[in-house]
């Protein structure tokens, strides 16, 4: 499925293929958005900054005093992936201790439920090694950071994340097809997902998304996401000062970050485009927004029985469309 808009004007909205055998895909179908959820989370953070209920310079130890290096990491570092907190999702297996990788743990039982406390604990034991020990001195993406950030936002507001998201973003933008669900269900109609992650091709639509916590557990459709990308990219719900922080070059020069490709607040910045791209149990969703022309792109696709490198398909569609729409500043994600 694909949706492209420029400001309030549609460019192209289309759906190809089937959701399930004999049921054509439709642009009204819902799916889990994956990394785009981190843009929502970064916006919630900046809204609370605007309300002076939190400060980007606040130390993470304010909410997680026992977490390693939390006394050196700031809230802004969480949102910009520069705190150094280890990523429980990408942690490797340790055969000597009989500890599987987190991916193997999930695939063994994809219906397993996780809560925030469990994910924070898993990031410490058995997956306890930080990616680096100088918060703010390097950059590396980590799911743990967005779990800690979302939990901190809940503590500050004394509201659960679903309520916070609904009141501060979804209702204000009229995103009625976007929800942070309390269960594994997805609102109808559903774009079914399929994957071969467990060495057999199977429907993965209702596998439990709780392992991603605040960084991916949102359902939406391509039309709502296009509206969201316009709002996120223009900073519609933020003061100009906070909106400018989304693509601030804080991480440029750290690790692999360059002026042409770096991580902002909850989003990738690539040649001026604000990009989110990721895998989620057989869905591969990628979004992009280009501020100078107010162009928003949303693409999601699912795996076929012989699909290889499915995420690359979504990214390739973004790249090709950006070459048409902004030929001098195309998206260059791999």
C-alpha atoms as a PDB file:
ATOM      1  CA  UNK A   1       0.000   0.000   0.000  1.00  0.00           C
ATOM      2  CA  UNK A   2       1.239   3.493  -0.794  1.00  0.00           C
ATOM      3  CA  UNK A   3       0.159   7.054  -0.091  1.00  0.00           C
ATOM      4  CA  UNK A   4       1.810  10.272  -1.195  1.00  0.00           C
ATOM      5  CA  UNK A   5       0.621  13.802  -0.441  1.00  0.00           C
ATOM      6  CA  UNK A   6       1.949  17.311  -0.879  1.00  0.00           C
ATOM      7  CA  UNK A   7       0.504  19.523   1.795  1.00  0.00           C
ATOM      8  CA  UNK A   8      -3.243  18.845   1.764  1.00  0.00           C
ATOM      9  CA  UNK A   9      -3.211  17.654  -1.855  1.00  0.00           C
ATOM     10  CA  UNK A  10      -3.076  13.928  -2.704  1.00  0.00           C
ATOM     11  CA  UNK A  11      -0.473  12.693  -5.188  1.00  0.00           C
ATOM     12  CA  UNK A  12      -1.178   8.948  -5.209  1.00  0.00           C
ATOM     13  CA  UNK A  13      -2.994   6.484  -2.967  1.00  0.00           C
ATOM     14  CA  UNK A  14      -3.025   2.836  -4.012  1.00  0.00           C
ATOM     15  CA  UNK A  15      -3.028  -0.767  -2.828  1.00  0.00           C
ATOM     16  CA  UNK A  16      -1.754  -3.789  -4.762  1.00  0.00           C
ATOM     17  CA  UNK A  17      -1.939  -7.515  -4.138  1.00  0.00           C
ATOM     18  CA  UNK A  18      -3.896  -9.409  -1.510  1.00  0.00           C
ATOM     19  CA  UNK A  19      -4.259  -9.207   2.257  1.00  0.00           C
ATOM     20  CA  UNK A  20      -5.262 -12.871   2.493  1.00  0.00           C
ATOM     21  CA  UNK A  21      -5.881 -15.346  -0.347  1.00  0.00           C
ATOM     22  CA  UNK A  22      -8.758 -13.995  -2.398  1.00  0.00           C
ATOM     23  CA  UNK A  23      -9.075 -10.760  -0.371  1.00  0.00           C
ATOM     24  CA  UNK A  24      -7.536  -7.749  -2.159  1.00  0.00           C
ATOM     25  CA  UNK A  25      -5.464  -5.299  -0.130  1.00  0.00           C
ATOM     26  CA  UNK A  26      -7.128  -1.939   0.446  1.00  0.00           C
ATOM     27  CA  UNK A  27      -5.810   1.442   1.547  1.00  0.00           C
ATOM     28  CA  UNK A  28      -8.421   1.312   4.338  1.00  0.00           C
ATOM     29  CA  UNK A  29      -6.654  -1.665   5.940  1.00  0.00           C
ATOM     30  CA  UNK A  30      -4.823  -1.315   9.244  1.00  0.00           C
ATOM     31  CA  UNK A  31      -1.359  -2.559  10.220  1.00  0.00           C
ATOM     32  CA  UNK A  32       1.313  -2.068  12.881  1.00  0.00           C
ATOM     33  CA  UNK A  33       3.362   1.006  12.004  1.00  0.00           C
ATOM     34  CA  UNK A  34       6.727   0.015  13.512  1.00  0.00           C
ATOM     35  CA  UNK A  35       9.356   2.731  13.765  1.00  0.00           C
ATOM     36  CA  UNK A  36       6.948   5.567  12.888  1.00  0.00           C
ATOM     37  CA  UNK A  37       5.667   5.134  16.453  1.00  0.00           C
ATOM     38  CA  UNK A  38       8.921   6.696  17.670  1.00  0.00           C
ATOM     39  CA  UNK A  39       7.978   9.931  15.924  1.00  0.00           C
ATOM     40  CA  UNK A  40       4.796   9.989  18.010  1.00  0.00           C
ATOM     41  CA  UNK A  41       6.859   9.363  21.146  1.00  0.00           C
ATOM     42  CA  UNK A  42       9.312  12.155  20.343  1.00  0.00           C
ATOM     43  CA  UNK A  43       6.407  14.524  19.738  1.00  0.00           C
ATOM     44  CA  UNK A  44       4.835  13.635  23.097  1.00  0.00           C
ATOM     45  CA  UNK A  45       8.166  14.402  24.741  1.00  0.00           C
ATOM     46  CA  UNK A  46       8.433  17.790  23.041  1.00  0.00           C
ATOM     47  CA  UNK A  47       4.831  18.633  23.884  1.00  0.00           C
ATOM     48  CA  UNK A  48       5.637  18.072  27.549  1.00  0.00           C
ATOM     49  CA  UNK A  49       8.736  20.233  27.124  1.00  0.00           C
ATOM     50  CA  UNK A  50       6.518  22.990  25.719  1.00  0.00           C
ATOM     51  CA  UNK A  51       4.242  22.604  28.744  1.00  0.00           C
ATOM     52  CA  UNK A  52       7.323  22.831  30.998  1.00  0.00           C
ATOM     53  CA  UNK A  53       6.537  19.484  32.576  1.00  0.00           C
ATOM     54  CA  UNK A  54       9.854  17.976  31.517  1.00  0.00           C
ATOM     55  CA  UNK A  55      13.186  19.260  30.268  1.00  0.00           C
ATOM     56  CA  UNK A  56      15.351  17.720  27.565  1.00  0.00           C
ATOM     57  CA  UNK A  57      18.324  18.130  29.906  1.00  0.00           C
ATOM     58  CA  UNK A  58      16.652  16.136  32.708  1.00  0.00           C
ATOM     59  CA  UNK A  59      18.735  13.129  33.698  1.00  0.00           C
ATOM     60  CA  UNK A  60      17.245   9.669  33.203  1.00  0.00           C
ATOM     61  CA  UNK A  61      18.201   8.872  36.804  1.00  0.00           C
ATOM     62  CA  UNK A  62      15.272  11.072  37.845  1.00  0.00           C
ATOM     63  CA  UNK A  63      13.000   8.137  36.911  1.00  0.00           C
ATOM     64  CA  UNK A  64      15.448   5.227  36.741  1.00  0.00           C
ATOM     65  CA  UNK A  65      17.996   5.964  39.484  1.00  0.00           C
ATOM     66  CA  UNK A  66      19.462   2.448  39.507  1.00  0.00           C
ATOM     67  CA  UNK A  67      19.926   2.110  35.764  1.00  0.00           C
ATOM     68  CA  UNK A  68      23.627   2.063  34.735  1.00  0.00           C
ATOM     69  CA  UNK A  69      24.847   5.459  33.509  1.00  0.00           C
ATOM     70  CA  UNK A  70      21.363   6.976  33.963  1.00  0.00           C
ATOM     71  CA  UNK A  71      23.038   9.743  35.974  1.00  0.00           C
ATOM     72  CA  UNK A  72      24.927  10.750  32.819  1.00  0.00           C
ATOM     73  CA  UNK A  73      22.190  10.271  30.200  1.00  0.00           C
ATOM     74  CA  UNK A  74      19.546  12.908  29.471  1.00  0.00           C
ATOM     75  CA  UNK A  75      16.004  12.592  28.178  1.00  0.00           C
ATOM     76  CA  UNK A  76      17.157  14.114  24.898  1.00  0.00           C
ATOM     77  CA  UNK A  77      19.767  11.360  24.555  1.00  0.00           C
ATOM     78  CA  UNK A  78      17.030   8.746  24.872  1.00  0.00           C
ATOM     79  CA  UNK A  79      15.049  10.268  22.008  1.00  0.00           C
ATOM     80  CA  UNK A  80      18.162  10.724  19.863  1.00  0.00           C
ATOM     81  CA  UNK A  81      19.600   7.248  20.529  1.00  0.00           C
ATOM     82  CA  UNK A  82      22.781   8.536  22.116  1.00  0.00           C
ATOM     83  CA  UNK A  83      22.430   7.341  25.731  1.00  0.00           C
ATOM     84  CA  UNK A  84      24.396   4.154  25.082  1.00  0.00           C
ATOM     85  CA  UNK A  85      21.800   1.919  26.722  1.00  0.00           C
ATOM     86  CA  UNK A  86      22.125  -1.625  25.364  1.00  0.00           C
ATOM     87  CA  UNK A  87      19.447  -2.867  22.957  1.00  0.00           C
ATOM     88  CA  UNK A  88      17.769  -5.988  24.327  1.00  0.00           C
ATOM     89  CA  UNK A  89      16.303  -6.773  20.877  1.00  0.00           C
ATOM     90  CA  UNK A  90      19.644  -7.137  19.104  1.00  0.00           C
ATOM     91  CA  UNK A  91      21.457  -8.825  22.005  1.00  0.00           C
ATOM     92  CA  UNK A  92      23.299 -11.976  20.965  1.00  0.00           C
ATOM     93  CA  UNK A  93      22.914 -15.451  22.395  1.00  0.00           C
ATOM     94  CA  UNK A  94      25.357 -16.676  25.045  1.00  0.00           C
ATOM     95  CA  UNK A  95      25.630 -20.435  24.610  1.00  0.00           C
ATOM     96  CA  UNK A  96      28.019 -20.759  27.562  1.00  0.00           C
ATOM     97  CA  UNK A  97      25.267 -19.527  29.894  1.00  0.00           C
ATOM     98  CA  UNK A  98      22.415 -21.159  27.992  1.00  0.00           C
ATOM     99  CA  UNK A  99      20.916 -17.770  27.119  1.00  0.00           C
ATOM    100  CA  UNK A 100      19.174 -17.455  23.732  1.00  0.00           C
ATOM    101  CA  UNK A 101      19.137 -14.246  21.746  1.00  0.00           C
ATOM    102  CA  UNK A 102      16.085 -12.104  22.345  1.00  0.00           C
ATOM    103  CA  UNK A 103      14.986 -12.746  18.765  1.00  0.00           C
ATOM    104  CA  UNK A 104      15.090 -16.500  19.379  1.00  0.00           C
ATOM    105  CA  UNK A 105      13.132 -15.978  22.594  1.00  0.00           C
ATOM    106  CA  UNK A 106      10.412 -14.097  20.722  1.00  0.00           C
ATOM    107  CA  UNK A 107      10.218 -16.531  17.819  1.00  0.00           C
ATOM    108  CA  UNK A 108       9.913 -19.486  20.187  1.00  0.00           C
ATOM    109  CA  UNK A 109       6.695 -17.970  21.531  1.00  0.00           C
ATOM    110  CA  UNK A 110       5.548 -14.974  19.425  1.00  0.00           C
ATOM    111  CA  UNK A 111       2.385 -14.635  21.527  1.00  0.00           C
ATOM    112  CA  UNK A 112       4.316 -13.882  24.721  1.00  0.00           C
ATOM    113  CA  UNK A 113       3.282 -10.730  26.586  1.00  0.00           C
ATOM    114  CA  UNK A 114       5.874  -8.278  27.909  1.00  0.00           C
ATOM    115  CA  UNK A 115       5.392  -5.257  30.144  1.00  0.00           C
ATOM    116  CA  UNK A 116       7.645  -2.246  30.537  1.00  0.00           C
ATOM    117  CA  UNK A 117       9.300  -3.475  33.723  1.00  0.00           C
ATOM    118  CA  UNK A 118      10.188  -6.806  32.109  1.00  0.00           C
ATOM    119  CA  UNK A 119      11.738  -5.123  29.086  1.00  0.00           C
ATOM    120  CA  UNK A 120      13.825  -2.807  31.265  1.00  0.00           C
ATOM    121  CA  UNK A 121      14.935  -5.822  33.291  1.00  0.00           C
ATOM    122  CA  UNK A 122      15.827  -7.747  30.138  1.00  0.00           C
ATOM    123  CA  UNK A 123      17.959  -4.835  28.994  1.00  0.00           C
ATOM    124  CA  UNK A 124      20.021  -5.365  32.150  1.00  0.00           C
ATOM    125  CA  UNK A 125      19.885  -9.128  32.619  1.00  0.00           C
ATOM    126  CA  UNK A 126      20.722 -11.228  30.765  1.00  0.00           C
ATOM    127  CA  UNK A 127      21.233  -8.614  28.030  1.00  0.00           C
ATOM    128  CA  UNK A 128      23.114  -6.175  30.208  1.00  0.00           C
ATOM    129  CA  UNK A 129      26.037  -4.812  28.207  1.00  0.00           C
ATOM    130  CA  UNK A 130      25.782  -1.121  27.276  1.00  0.00           C
ATOM    131  CA  UNK A 131      26.661  -0.183  23.723  1.00  0.00           C
ATOM    132  CA  UNK A 132      29.028   2.486  25.039  1.00  0.00           C
ATOM    133  CA  UNK A 133      29.662   4.077  28.411  1.00  0.00           C
ATOM    134  CA  UNK A 134      29.929   7.743  27.487  1.00  0.00           C
ATOM    135  CA  UNK A 135      26.316   8.945  27.076  1.00  0.00           C
ATOM    136  CA  UNK A 136      26.126  11.689  24.502  1.00  0.00           C
ATOM    137  CA  UNK A 137      29.522  10.784  23.066  1.00  0.00           C
ATOM    138  CA  UNK A 138      28.313   8.330  20.460  1.00  0.00           C
ATOM    139  CA  UNK A 139      25.176   7.100  18.700  1.00  0.00           C
ATOM    140  CA  UNK A 140      23.577   3.662  18.353  1.00  0.00           C
ATOM    141  CA  UNK A 141      19.894   2.820  18.011  1.00  0.00           C
ATOM    142  CA  UNK A 142      18.343   1.010  20.977  1.00  0.00           C
ATOM    143  CA  UNK A 143      14.771  -0.146  21.660  1.00  0.00           C
ATOM    144  CA  UNK A 144      15.619   0.147  25.365  1.00  0.00           C
ATOM    145  CA  UNK A 145      15.892   3.917  25.120  1.00  0.00           C
ATOM    146  CA  UNK A 146      12.342   4.271  23.842  1.00  0.00           C
ATOM    147  CA  UNK A 147      10.999   1.904  26.512  1.00  0.00           C
ATOM    148  CA  UNK A 148      12.669   4.007  29.210  1.00  0.00           C
ATOM    149  CA  UNK A 149      11.508   7.239  27.567  1.00  0.00           C
ATOM    150  CA  UNK A 150       7.872   6.134  27.271  1.00  0.00           C
ATOM    151  CA  UNK A 151       7.829   4.941  30.872  1.00  0.00           C
ATOM    152  CA  UNK A 152       9.242   8.292  31.993  1.00  0.00           C
ATOM    153  CA  UNK A 153       6.512  10.153  30.100  1.00  0.00           C
ATOM    154  CA  UNK A 154       3.885   8.036  31.841  1.00  0.00           C
ATOM    155  CA  UNK A 155       5.397   8.869  35.225  1.00  0.00           C
ATOM    156  CA  UNK A 156       5.544  12.601  34.488  1.00  0.00           C
ATOM    157  CA  UNK A 157       1.922  12.773  33.302  1.00  0.00           C
ATOM    158  CA  UNK A 158       0.500  10.094  35.623  1.00  0.00           C
ATOM    159  CA  UNK A 159      -1.323   8.689  32.598  1.00  0.00           C
ATOM    160  CA  UNK A 160      -0.876   5.461  30.673  1.00  0.00           C
ATOM    161  CA  UNK A 161       0.679   5.792  27.252  1.00  0.00           C
ATOM    162  CA  UNK A 162      -2.488   4.973  25.292  1.00  0.00           C
ATOM    163  CA  UNK A 163      -4.381   7.787  27.028  1.00  0.00           C
ATOM    164  CA  UNK A 164      -1.490  10.190  26.630  1.00  0.00           C
ATOM    165  CA  UNK A 165      -1.217   9.453  22.922  1.00  0.00           C
ATOM    166  CA  UNK A 166      -4.954   9.725  22.351  1.00  0.00           C
ATOM    167  CA  UNK A 167      -5.405  13.001  24.241  1.00  0.00           C
ATOM    168  CA  UNK A 168      -2.292  14.837  23.082  1.00  0.00           C
ATOM    169  CA  UNK A 169      -1.993  13.692  19.468  1.00  0.00           C
ATOM    170  CA  UNK A 170      -4.659  11.435  17.979  1.00  0.00           C
ATOM    171  CA  UNK A 171      -7.735  13.413  19.037  1.00  0.00           C
ATOM    172  CA  UNK A 172      -6.117  16.744  18.166  1.00  0.00           C
ATOM    173  CA  UNK A 173      -5.316  15.582  14.637  1.00  0.00           C
ATOM    174  CA  UNK A 174      -8.475  13.557  14.073  1.00  0.00           C
ATOM    175  CA  UNK A 175      -6.502  10.338  13.576  1.00  0.00           C
ATOM    176  CA  UNK A 176      -9.452   8.035  14.213  1.00  0.00           C
ATOM    177  CA  UNK A 177      -7.836   5.073  12.466  1.00  0.00           C
ATOM    178  CA  UNK A 178      -4.734   5.167  14.660  1.00  0.00           C
ATOM    179  CA  UNK A 179      -4.668   3.438  18.058  1.00  0.00           C
ATOM    180  CA  UNK A 180      -2.288   2.166  20.713  1.00  0.00           C
ATOM    181  CA  UNK A 181      -4.059  -1.131  21.424  1.00  0.00           C
ATOM    182  CA  UNK A 182      -4.356  -2.852  24.806  1.00  0.00           C
ATOM    183  CA  UNK A 183      -4.348  -6.285  23.138  1.00  0.00           C
ATOM    184  CA  UNK A 184      -2.908  -7.997  20.058  1.00  0.00           C
ATOM    185  CA  UNK A 185      -6.022  -7.147  18.058  1.00  0.00           C
ATOM    186  CA  UNK A 186      -5.979  -4.807  15.065  1.00  0.00           C
ATOM    187  CA  UNK A 187      -9.059  -2.818  14.096  1.00  0.00           C
ATOM    188  CA  UNK A 188     -10.910  -4.020  10.984  1.00  0.00           C
ATOM    189  CA  UNK A 189     -10.206  -4.127   8.086  1.00  0.00           C
ATOM    190  CA  UNK A 190      -6.781  -5.696   8.604  1.00  0.00           C
ATOM    191  CA  UNK A 191      -3.798  -5.987   6.290  1.00  0.00           C
ATOM    192  CA  UNK A 192      -2.522  -9.429   7.202  1.00  0.00           C
ATOM    193  CA  UNK A 193       1.191  -9.962   7.687  1.00  0.00           C
ATOM    194  CA  UNK A 194       3.159 -13.061   6.729  1.00  0.00           C
ATOM    195  CA  UNK A 195       6.699 -14.047   7.562  1.00  0.00           C
ATOM    196  CA  UNK A 196       9.188 -16.899   7.225  1.00  0.00           C
ATOM    197  CA  UNK A 197      11.076 -15.915  10.382  1.00  0.00           C
ATOM    198  CA  UNK A 198      10.415 -19.335  11.907  1.00  0.00           C
ATOM    199  CA  UNK A 199      11.554 -21.198   8.784  1.00  0.00           C
ATOM    200  CA  UNK A 200       8.003 -21.667   7.552  1.00  0.00           C
ATOM    201  CA  UNK A 201       5.722 -19.225   5.808  1.00  0.00           C
ATOM    202  CA  UNK A 202       2.909 -18.275   8.189  1.00  0.00           C
ATOM    203  CA  UNK A 203       0.395 -15.588   9.120  1.00  0.00           C
ATOM    204  CA  UNK A 204       1.992 -13.388  11.818  1.00  0.00           C
ATOM    205  CA  UNK A 205      -0.739 -10.730  12.025  1.00  0.00           C
ATOM    206  CA  UNK A 206      -1.691 -11.358  15.643  1.00  0.00           C
ATOM    207  CA  UNK A 207       1.714 -12.108  17.091  1.00  0.00           C
ATOM    208  CA  UNK A 208       2.151 -10.092  20.245  1.00  0.00           C
ATOM    209  CA  UNK A 209       3.734  -6.661  19.617  1.00  0.00           C
ATOM    210  CA  UNK A 210       4.393  -5.884  23.288  1.00  0.00           C
ATOM    211  CA  UNK A 211       8.145  -6.540  22.972  1.00  0.00           C
ATOM    212  CA  UNK A 212       8.447  -3.249  21.070  1.00  0.00           C
ATOM    213  CA  UNK A 213       6.580  -1.347  23.791  1.00  0.00           C
ATOM    214  CA  UNK A 214       6.199   2.352  22.993  1.00  0.00           C
ATOM    215  CA  UNK A 215       8.519   2.228  19.981  1.00  0.00           C
ATOM    216  CA  UNK A 216       6.253   0.250  17.661  1.00  0.00           C
ATOM    217  CA  UNK A 217       2.970  -0.801  19.220  1.00  0.00           C
ATOM    218  CA  UNK A 218       0.657   1.447  17.200  1.00  0.00           C
ATOM    219  CA  UNK A 219      -1.869   0.438  14.522  1.00  0.00           C
ATOM    220  CA  UNK A 220      -2.877   2.752  11.684  1.00  0.00           C
ATOM    221  CA  UNK A 221      -3.569   2.964   7.942  1.00  0.00           C
ATOM    222  CA  UNK A 222      -1.689   4.706   5.123  1.00  0.00           C
ATOM    223  CA  UNK A 223      -4.073   7.684   5.024  1.00  0.00           C
ATOM    224  CA  UNK A 224      -3.813   8.452   8.742  1.00  0.00           C
ATOM    225  CA  UNK A 225      -0.051   8.019   8.566  1.00  0.00           C
ATOM    226  CA  UNK A 226       0.174  10.539   5.736  1.00  0.00           C
ATOM    227  CA  UNK A 227      -1.732  13.063   7.873  1.00  0.00           C
ATOM    228  CA  UNK A 228       0.579  12.250  10.748  1.00  0.00           C
ATOM    229  CA  UNK A 229       3.731  12.735   8.665  1.00  0.00           C
ATOM    230  CA  UNK A 230       2.493  16.180   7.633  1.00  0.00           C
ATOM    231  CA  UNK A 231       1.820  17.084  11.280  1.00  0.00           C
ATOM    232  CA  UNK A 232       5.120  15.652  12.513  1.00  0.00           C
ATOM    233  CA  UNK A 233       7.173  17.257   9.769  1.00  0.00           C
ATOM    234  CA  UNK A 234       5.633  20.704  10.230  1.00  0.00           C
ATOM    235  CA  UNK A 235       5.673  20.523  14.025  1.00  0.00           C
ATOM    236  CA  UNK A 236       1.938  21.256  14.010  1.00  0.00           C
ATOM    237  CA  UNK A 237       1.482  20.297  17.659  1.00  0.00           C
ATOM    238  CA  UNK A 238       4.673  21.980  18.867  1.00  0.00           C
ATOM    239  CA  UNK A 239       6.130  25.410  19.417  1.00  0.00           C
ATOM    240  CA  UNK A 240       8.562  26.470  16.665  1.00  0.00           C
ATOM    241  CA  UNK A 241      11.445  26.065  19.107  1.00  0.00           C
ATOM    242  CA  UNK A 242      10.556  22.448  19.870  1.00  0.00           C
ATOM    243  CA  UNK A 243       9.728  21.626  16.247  1.00  0.00           C
ATOM    244  CA  UNK A 244      13.227  22.720  15.265  1.00  0.00           C
ATOM    245  CA  UNK A 245      14.746  20.160  17.631  1.00  0.00           C
ATOM    246  CA  UNK A 246      13.323  17.201  15.669  1.00  0.00           C
ATOM    247  CA  UNK A 247      15.940  17.499  12.936  1.00  0.00           C
ATOM    248  CA  UNK A 248      18.627  19.229  15.022  1.00  0.00           C
ATOM    249  CA  UNK A 249      22.123  18.053  14.134  1.00  0.00           C
ATOM    250  CA  UNK A 250      22.993  17.018  17.704  1.00  0.00           C
ATOM    251  CA  UNK A 251      24.163  13.574  16.579  1.00  0.00           C
ATOM    252  CA  UNK A 252      26.072  14.672  13.485  1.00  0.00           C
ATOM    253  CA  UNK A 253      29.697  13.622  13.832  1.00  0.00           C
ATOM    254  CA  UNK A 254      28.893  10.814  16.263  1.00  0.00           C
ATOM    255  CA  UNK A 255      29.484   7.292  15.001  1.00  0.00           C
ATOM    256  CA  UNK A 256      28.088   6.897  11.490  1.00  0.00           C
ATOM    257  CA  UNK A 257      26.133  10.157  11.568  1.00  0.00           C
ATOM    258  CA  UNK A 258      26.891  12.625   8.779  1.00  0.00           C
ATOM    259  CA  UNK A 259      25.096  15.816   7.666  1.00  0.00           C
ATOM    260  CA  UNK A 260      23.354  13.738   4.975  1.00  0.00           C
ATOM    261  CA  UNK A 261      22.267  10.878   7.240  1.00  0.00           C
ATOM    262  CA  UNK A 262      21.789  11.062  11.000  1.00  0.00           C
ATOM    263  CA  UNK A 263      19.305  10.353  13.794  1.00  0.00           C
ATOM    264  CA  UNK A 264      17.286  13.317  15.043  1.00  0.00           C
ATOM    265  CA  UNK A 265      14.634  13.031  17.757  1.00  0.00           C
ATOM    266  CA  UNK A 266      12.696   9.814  17.136  1.00  0.00           C
ATOM    267  CA  UNK A 267      13.410   9.886  13.426  1.00  0.00           C
ATOM    268  CA  UNK A 268      16.092   9.423  10.777  1.00  0.00           C
ATOM    269  CA  UNK A 269      17.108  12.569   8.897  1.00  0.00           C
ATOM    270  CA  UNK A 270      18.298  11.802   5.364  1.00  0.00           C
ATOM    271  CA  UNK A 271      19.052  14.571   2.862  1.00  0.00           C
ATOM    272  CA  UNK A 272      16.488  16.733   4.629  1.00  0.00           C
ATOM    273  CA  UNK A 273      13.798  14.023   4.653  1.00  0.00           C
ATOM    274  CA  UNK A 274      12.392  12.844   8.006  1.00  0.00           C
ATOM    275  CA  UNK A 275      12.305   9.066   7.639  1.00  0.00           C
ATOM    276  CA  UNK A 276      11.082   6.072   9.648  1.00  0.00           C
ATOM    277  CA  UNK A 277      11.657   2.531   8.397  1.00  0.00           C
ATOM    278  CA  UNK A 278      11.516  -0.866  10.037  1.00  0.00           C
ATOM    279  CA  UNK A 279      10.342  -4.475  10.155  1.00  0.00           C
ATOM    280  CA  UNK A 280       7.509  -5.708  12.335  1.00  0.00           C
ATOM    281  CA  UNK A 281       6.581  -9.391  12.208  1.00  0.00           C
ATOM    282  CA  UNK A 282       6.131  -9.482   8.423  1.00  0.00           C
ATOM    283  CA  UNK A 283       5.056  -5.881   7.867  1.00  0.00           C
ATOM    284  CA  UNK A 284       7.618  -3.517   6.399  1.00  0.00           C
ATOM    285  CA  UNK A 285       6.535   0.094   6.807  1.00  0.00           C
ATOM    286  CA  UNK A 286       8.482   3.173   5.774  1.00  0.00           C
ATOM    287  CA  UNK A 287       7.450   6.822   5.968  1.00  0.00           C
ATOM    288  CA  UNK A 288       9.131  10.033   4.888  1.00  0.00           C
ATOM    289  CA  UNK A 289       8.446  13.755   4.972  1.00  0.00           C
ATOM    290  CA  UNK A 290      10.272  16.528   3.106  1.00  0.00           C
ATOM    291  CA  UNK A 291       9.705  19.927   4.788  1.00  0.00           C
ATOM    292  CA  UNK A 292      10.631  22.261   1.890  1.00  0.00           C
ATOM    293  CA  UNK A 293       7.836  20.881  -0.330  1.00  0.00           C
ATOM    294  CA  UNK A 294       5.568  19.455   2.411  1.00  0.00           C
ATOM    295  CA  UNK A 295       5.738  16.053   0.721  1.00  0.00           C
ATOM    296  CA  UNK A 296       4.753  12.962   2.724  1.00  0.00           C
ATOM    297  CA  UNK A 297       5.301   9.364   1.612  1.00  0.00           C
ATOM    298  CA  UNK A 298       3.928   6.242   3.308  1.00  0.00           C
ATOM    299  CA  UNK A 299       4.492   2.679   2.142  1.00  0.00           C
ATOM    300  CA  UNK A 300       3.780  -0.651   3.796  1.00  0.00           C
ATOM    301  CA  UNK A 301       4.175  -4.119   2.354  1.00  0.00           C
ATOM    302  CA  UNK A 302       4.077  -7.675   3.570  1.00  0.00           C
ATOM    303  CA  UNK A 303       6.167 -10.707   2.707  1.00  0.00           C
ATOM    304  CA  UNK A 304       5.335 -13.286   0.081  1.00  0.00           C
ATOM    305  CA  UNK A 305       6.465 -16.916   0.391  1.00  0.00           C
ATOM    306  CA  UNK A 306       9.605 -16.211  -1.612  1.00  0.00           C
ATOM    307  CA  UNK A 307      10.334 -12.649  -0.482  1.00  0.00           C
ATOM    308  CA  UNK A 308      13.906 -11.793   0.428  1.00  0.00           C
ATOM    309  CA  UNK A 309      15.019  -8.524   2.020  1.00  0.00           C
ATOM    310  CA  UNK A 310      11.418  -7.285   2.256  1.00  0.00           C
ATOM    311  CA  UNK A 311      12.402  -4.139   4.150  1.00  0.00           C
ATOM    312  CA  UNK A 312      14.530  -3.213   1.163  1.00  0.00           C
ATOM    313  CA  UNK A 313      11.404  -3.113  -1.010  1.00  0.00           C
ATOM    314  CA  UNK A 314       9.766  -0.414   1.130  1.00  0.00           C
ATOM    315  CA  UNK A 315      12.966   1.601   1.281  1.00  0.00           C
ATOM    316  CA  UNK A 316      13.436   1.247  -2.467  1.00  0.00           C
ATOM    317  CA  UNK A 317       9.952   2.617  -3.114  1.00  0.00           C
ATOM    318  CA  UNK A 318      10.802   5.631  -0.940  1.00  0.00           C
ATOM    319  CA  UNK A 319      14.075   6.122  -2.780  1.00  0.00           C
ATOM    320  CA  UNK A 320      12.480   5.893  -6.230  1.00  0.00           C
ATOM    321  CA  UNK A 321       9.600   8.227  -5.362  1.00  0.00           C
ATOM    322  CA  UNK A 322      11.944  10.778  -3.808  1.00  0.00           C
ATOM    323  CA  UNK A 323      14.050  10.782  -6.972  1.00  0.00           C
ATOM    324  CA  UNK A 324      10.949  11.804  -8.893  1.00  0.00           C
ATOM    325  CA  UNK A 325       9.622  14.320  -6.385  1.00  0.00           C
ATOM    326  CA  UNK A 326      12.910  15.804  -5.094  1.00  0.00           C
ATOM    327  CA  UNK A 327      15.585  14.796  -7.633  1.00  0.00           C
ATOM    328  CA  UNK A 328      18.312  16.988  -6.094  1.00  0.00           C
ATOM    329  CA  UNK A 329      17.772  15.634  -2.546  1.00  0.00           C
ATOM    330  CA  UNK A 330      16.639  11.996  -2.838  1.00  0.00           C
ATOM    331  CA  UNK A 331      16.360   9.548   0.022  1.00  0.00           C
ATOM    332  CA  UNK A 332      19.478   7.378   0.105  1.00  0.00           C
ATOM    333  CA  UNK A 333      18.663   4.836   2.807  1.00  0.00           C
ATOM    334  CA  UNK A 334      20.187   1.400   2.096  1.00  0.00           C
END
